[in-house]
Amino acid sequence: MNKLLAINNLQKKYYTKTCEILAIKDLSFDLYEGEFISIVGPSGCGKSTFLNILTNLDDLTKGTITYFKDNLKIGYMLQSDSLLDWKTILENALIGLEIKKIKTKENILYVNNLLDTYGLGEFKKSYPKELSGGMKQRVALIRTLALKPDILVLDEPFSKLDYQSSLRVSDDVYKIIKKEKKTVIMVTHDLAQAISLSDRVITLSKRPCVVKNIYKIKREKNLSPIENRKDKYFNYYYDLIWKDLT
């Protein structure tokens, strides 16, 4: 696999009038094309801070992020679907293209095809209130995919859903990501979700965070996330990662 980026000794400090806060002490790992990586760690350890740095919403203090592809594009899907109630599903899916001023006929056709392919074709003229939570997440994903990112960054993408919906939507999202051949970095608190979706799981310490371990997830067969929870190695990784976090 081709390496897409390398994160080396990343550190982040915040400064107040009275003190210095070290949020991230040392974060290092590589990301390869086609990989699905999950990052887990205690609440407040710096996971979202790292995503903000990776997506240029915040600056790093020390360290480097090296890109191995020219004009590498990163798409950021937030916890909330953030759909606009007064816009149709198609209009919501096109918002990113409008902001980037690349709402071309070709890109509009691409978004329409994504909506058709992933079961939302008949809802293009509907409004968010008419869709289930899982369908809204699919729209949010398609809105991100519309920009044709090389790397998808997912921040707790299923945390707003109930348990059953979360399982079902994680399967849907995983299938879309694999079919579109996207590389993913996901932050989650859900260990089962991380293990069932990912090729590798990175565990972080409490703040100021460092990388505790990186687990390459072995499976008998690589199936859907729901089926992967039945794999004989699942509980083995769950126990290891749980010990890291406790």
Protein backbone atom coordinates (compact mmCIF):
# COMPACT_ATOMS: atom_id res chain seq x y z
CA MET A 1 0.00 0.00 0.00
CA ASN A 2 1.11 3.55 -0.70
CA LYS A 3 1.77 5.79 2.29
CA LEU A 4 -0.51 8.86 2.31
CA LEU A 5 0.76 10.70 5.37
CA ALA A 6 3.17 10.42 8.27
CA ILE A 7 2.61 12.06 11.65
CA ASN A 8 5.79 12.45 13.66
CA ASN A 9 6.10 13.63 17.28
CA LEU A 10 3.08 15.88 17.05
CA GLN A 11 2.59 18.08 20.09
CA LYS A 12 -0.06 20.66 20.96
CA LYS A 13 0.00 23.27 23.71
CA TYR A 14 -2.60 25.86 24.62
CA TYR A 15 -1.77 29.04 26.47
CA THR A 16 -4.00 30.94 28.88
CA LYS A 17 -3.25 34.09 30.84
CA THR A 18 -2.14 32.01 33.81
CA CYS A 19 -0.80 28.71 32.51
CA GLU A 20 0.32 26.45 29.70
CA ILE A 21 -1.82 23.38 28.90
CA LEU A 22 -0.20 20.43 27.13
CA ALA A 23 -3.03 18.67 25.25
CA ILE A 24 -0.99 16.30 23.06
CA LYS A 25 2.48 15.24 24.20
CA ASP A 26 3.62 12.90 21.42
CA LEU A 27 1.57 11.48 18.57
CA SER A 28 3.21 9.47 15.77
CA PHE A 29 1.82 7.07 13.17
CA ASP A 30 1.61 6.51 9.41
CA LEU A 31 -1.49 6.17 7.25
CA TYR A 32 -1.63 4.05 4.09
CA GLU A 33 -3.95 4.27 1.12
CA GLY A 34 -7.14 2.24 1.59
CA GLU A 35 -6.69 1.84 5.36
CA PHE A 36 -9.40 2.33 7.96
CA ILE A 37 -7.78 3.50 11.21
CA SER A 38 -9.64 4.18 14.47
CA ILE A 39 -8.28 6.27 17.33
CA VAL A 40 -9.61 5.59 20.83
CA GLY A 41 -8.71 7.10 24.18
CA PRO A 42 -10.16 8.55 27.39
CA SER A 43 -12.53 11.52 27.17
CA GLY A 44 -10.62 14.77 26.91
CA CYS A 45 -7.33 13.14 25.94
CA GLY A 46 -6.89 15.17 22.74
CA LYS A 47 -8.54 13.09 20.01
CA SER A 48 -10.67 15.91 18.61
CA THR A 49 -7.76 18.33 18.99
CA PHE A 50 -5.72 16.05 16.75
CA LEU A 51 -8.50 15.94 14.12
CA ASN A 52 -8.69 19.74 14.17
CA ILE A 53 -4.94 19.93 13.53
CA LEU A 54 -5.13 17.34 10.76
CA THR A 55 -7.92 19.26 9.00
CA ASN A 56 -6.23 22.67 9.45
CA LEU A 57 -8.78 23.97 11.95
CA ASP A 58 -5.98 24.30 14.52
CA ASP A 59 -2.18 24.58 14.48
CA LEU A 60 0.32 22.12 15.86
CA THR A 61 2.94 23.28 18.37
CA LYS A 62 5.70 20.83 17.47
CA GLY A 63 6.23 17.88 15.17
CA THR A 64 5.37 17.32 11.52
CA ILE A 65 2.61 16.03 9.28
CA THR A 66 4.08 14.87 5.98
CA TYR A 67 1.89 14.31 2.92
CA PHE A 68 2.97 11.82 0.27
CA LYS A 69 0.51 12.90 -2.41
CA ASP A 70 0.34 16.24 -4.19
CA ASN A 71 -2.77 18.28 -3.41
CA LEU A 72 -3.98 15.66 -0.95
CA LYS A 73 -7.57 16.43 0.08
CA ILE A 74 -9.08 15.65 3.48
CA GLY A 75 -12.84 15.49 4.06
CA TYR A 76 -14.15 16.04 7.60
CA MET A 77 -17.44 14.46 8.70
CA LEU A 78 -18.54 15.78 12.09
CA GLN A 79 -20.55 14.09 14.85
CA SER A 80 -23.75 15.87 13.85
CA ASP A 81 -25.12 15.53 10.33
CA SER A 82 -25.48 19.37 10.31
CA LEU A 83 -28.08 19.27 7.53
CA LEU A 84 -29.93 22.52 6.87
CA ASP A 85 -33.65 22.06 7.54
CA TRP A 86 -34.76 24.49 4.82
CA LYS A 87 -32.76 22.82 2.05
CA THR A 88 -33.63 19.62 0.19
CA ILE A 89 -31.48 16.52 0.49
CA LEU A 90 -29.87 17.20 -2.88
CA GLU A 91 -29.21 20.84 -1.95
CA ASN A 92 -27.64 19.71 1.35
CA ALA A 93 -25.43 17.22 -0.46
CA LEU A 94 -24.19 19.99 -2.78
CA ILE A 95 -23.29 22.52 -0.05
CA GLY A 96 -19.60 21.60 0.04
CA LEU A 97 -19.31 22.08 -3.71
CA GLU A 98 -20.93 25.51 -3.39
CA ILE A 99 -18.56 26.57 -0.60
CA LYS A 100 -15.54 25.40 -2.59
CA LYS A 101 -17.00 27.02 -5.75
CA ILE A 102 -16.71 23.77 -7.72
CA LYS A 103 -20.40 23.15 -8.33
CA THR A 104 -19.86 22.03 -11.90
CA LYS A 105 -22.21 19.89 -14.01
CA GLU A 106 -19.79 17.00 -13.64
CA ASN A 107 -19.70 17.27 -9.83
CA ILE A 108 -23.49 17.69 -9.58
CA LEU A 109 -23.90 14.52 -11.65
CA TYR A 110 -21.43 12.74 -9.34
CA VAL A 111 -23.49 13.69 -6.26
CA ASN A 112 -26.73 12.63 -7.93
CA ASN A 113 -25.15 9.28 -8.76
CA LEU A 114 -23.99 8.84 -5.15
CA LEU A 115 -27.50 9.53 -3.86
CA ASP A 116 -28.97 7.07 -6.36
CA THR A 117 -26.38 4.39 -5.63
CA TYR A 118 -26.77 4.53 -1.86
CA GLY A 119 -30.54 4.45 -1.56
CA LEU A 120 -31.37 8.14 -1.38
CA GLY A 121 -32.39 8.80 -4.99
CA GLU A 122 -36.11 9.04 -4.23
CA PHE A 123 -35.46 11.49 -1.37
CA LYS A 124 -33.55 14.16 -3.33
CA LYS A 125 -36.44 16.61 -3.10
CA SER A 126 -37.27 15.70 0.49
CA TYR A 127 -36.20 17.67 3.56
CA PRO A 128 -34.10 16.45 6.52
CA LYS A 129 -37.11 16.19 8.86
CA GLU A 130 -38.54 13.52 6.54
CA LEU A 131 -35.48 11.23 6.91
CA SER A 132 -34.40 8.87 9.66
CA GLY A 133 -31.21 9.53 11.63
CA GLY A 134 -29.35 6.87 9.68
CA MET A 135 -30.41 8.33 6.33
CA LYS A 136 -29.25 11.77 7.45
CA GLN A 137 -25.82 10.33 8.23
CA ARG A 138 -25.67 8.87 4.74
CA VAL A 139 -26.45 12.30 3.30
CA ALA A 140 -23.71 13.82 5.47
CA LEU A 141 -21.25 11.22 4.20
CA ILE A 142 -22.22 11.85 0.57
CA ARG A 143 -21.83 15.60 1.13
CA THR A 144 -18.27 14.87 2.27
CA LEU A 145 -17.60 12.42 -0.58
CA ALA A 146 -18.80 15.04 -3.06
CA LEU A 147 -15.45 16.82 -2.63
CA LYS A 148 -13.63 13.61 -3.65
CA PRO A 149 -11.30 13.56 -0.64
CA ASP A 150 -8.27 11.27 -0.47
CA ILE A 151 -8.77 10.83 3.28
CA LEU A 152 -12.05 10.80 5.19
CA VAL A 153 -11.91 12.01 8.79
CA LEU A 154 -14.83 10.82 10.92
CA ASP A 155 -15.42 12.29 14.37
CA GLU A 156 -17.74 10.01 16.38
CA PRO A 157 -19.96 9.56 13.29
CA PHE A 158 -22.54 7.29 14.97
CA SER A 159 -22.65 8.77 18.47
CA LYS A 160 -25.96 10.60 17.92
CA LEU A 161 -27.78 7.38 16.98
CA ASP A 162 -29.39 4.77 19.20
CA TYR A 163 -27.60 1.43 19.51
CA GLN A 164 -29.51 -0.47 16.82
CA SER A 165 -29.36 2.44 14.36
CA SER A 166 -25.64 2.83 15.07
CA LEU A 167 -25.01 -0.81 14.13
CA ARG A 168 -27.05 -0.57 10.96
CA VAL A 169 -25.61 2.77 9.84
CA SER A 170 -22.02 1.71 10.56
CA ASP A 171 -22.59 -1.19 8.16
CA ASP A 172 -24.01 1.20 5.53
CA VAL A 173 -21.20 3.71 5.91
CA TYR A 174 -18.53 1.00 5.83
CA LYS A 175 -19.91 -0.42 2.58
CA ILE A 176 -19.97 3.03 0.98
CA ILE A 177 -16.41 3.78 2.10
CA LYS A 178 -15.10 0.47 0.77
CA LYS A 179 -16.96 0.77 -2.52
CA GLU A 180 -15.62 4.31 -3.01
CA LYS A 181 -12.13 3.08 -2.01
CA LYS A 182 -11.57 5.76 0.63
CA THR A 183 -8.91 5.96 3.33
CA VAL A 184 -10.32 6.71 6.79
CA ILE A 185 -9.25 8.05 10.18
CA MET A 186 -12.05 7.73 12.72
CA VAL A 187 -12.21 8.91 16.33
CA THR A 188 -14.63 6.96 18.51
CA HIS A 189 -15.36 6.07 22.14
CA ASP A 190 -16.97 2.80 21.06
CA LEU A 191 -14.35 0.02 21.25
CA ALA A 192 -16.56 -2.55 19.53
CA GLN A 193 -17.15 -0.13 16.70
CA ALA A 194 -13.44 0.56 16.34
CA ILE A 195 -12.50 -3.14 16.25
CA SER A 196 -15.28 -4.16 13.87
CA LEU A 197 -14.62 -1.39 11.33
CA SER A 198 -10.86 -0.92 11.39
CA ASP A 199 -7.68 -2.35 9.94
CA ARG A 200 -5.74 -0.79 12.82
CA VAL A 201 -6.74 0.69 16.17
CA ILE A 202 -4.56 3.31 17.88
CA THR A 203 -4.97 3.72 21.64
CA LEU A 204 -4.07 6.99 23.36
CA SER A 205 -3.25 7.73 26.98
CA LYS A 206 -5.02 10.30 29.10
CA ARG A 207 -4.07 13.96 28.55
CA PRO A 208 -1.44 14.95 27.64
CA CYS A 209 -1.81 12.04 25.27
CA VAL A 210 0.81 9.77 23.78
CA VAL A 211 0.30 6.69 21.62
CA LYS A 212 0.06 3.68 23.95
CA ASN A 213 -0.35 0.95 21.33
CA ILE A 214 -1.19 0.37 17.69
CA TYR A 215 -3.11 -2.86 17.03
CA LYS A 216 -3.30 -4.43 13.58
CA ILE A 217 -6.68 -6.16 13.63
CA LYS A 218 -6.55 -9.78 12.53
CA ARG A 219 -9.75 -11.51 11.40
CA GLU A 220 -10.69 -14.94 10.07
CA LYS A 221 -12.65 -13.15 7.32
CA ASN A 222 -13.14 -9.46 6.64
CA LEU A 223 -16.94 -9.15 6.58
CA SER A 224 -19.39 -6.39 7.47
CA PRO A 225 -18.88 -4.57 10.79
CA ILE A 226 -21.82 -6.43 12.36
CA GLU A 227 -20.46 -9.80 11.25
CA ASN A 228 -16.92 -8.82 12.34
CA ARG A 229 -18.18 -8.63 15.94
CA LYS A 230 -18.66 -12.41 15.82
CA ASP A 231 -15.05 -13.04 14.78
CA LYS A 232 -13.06 -15.28 17.13
CA TYR A 233 -10.40 -12.56 17.62
CA PHE A 234 -12.90 -9.82 18.50
CA ASN A 235 -12.95 -10.37 22.26
CA TYR A 236 -9.17 -10.71 22.32
CA TYR A 237 -8.70 -7.20 20.89
CA TYR A 238 -11.53 -5.81 23.01
CA ASP A 239 -9.80 -6.96 26.20
CA LEU A 240 -6.40 -5.61 25.12
CA ILE A 241 -7.77 -2.19 24.18
CA TRP A 242 -9.94 -2.00 27.30
CA LYS A 243 -6.85 -2.56 29.46
CA ASP A 244 -5.05 0.26 27.62
CA LEU A 245 -7.87 2.64 28.43
CA THR A 246 -8.27 1.63 32.08
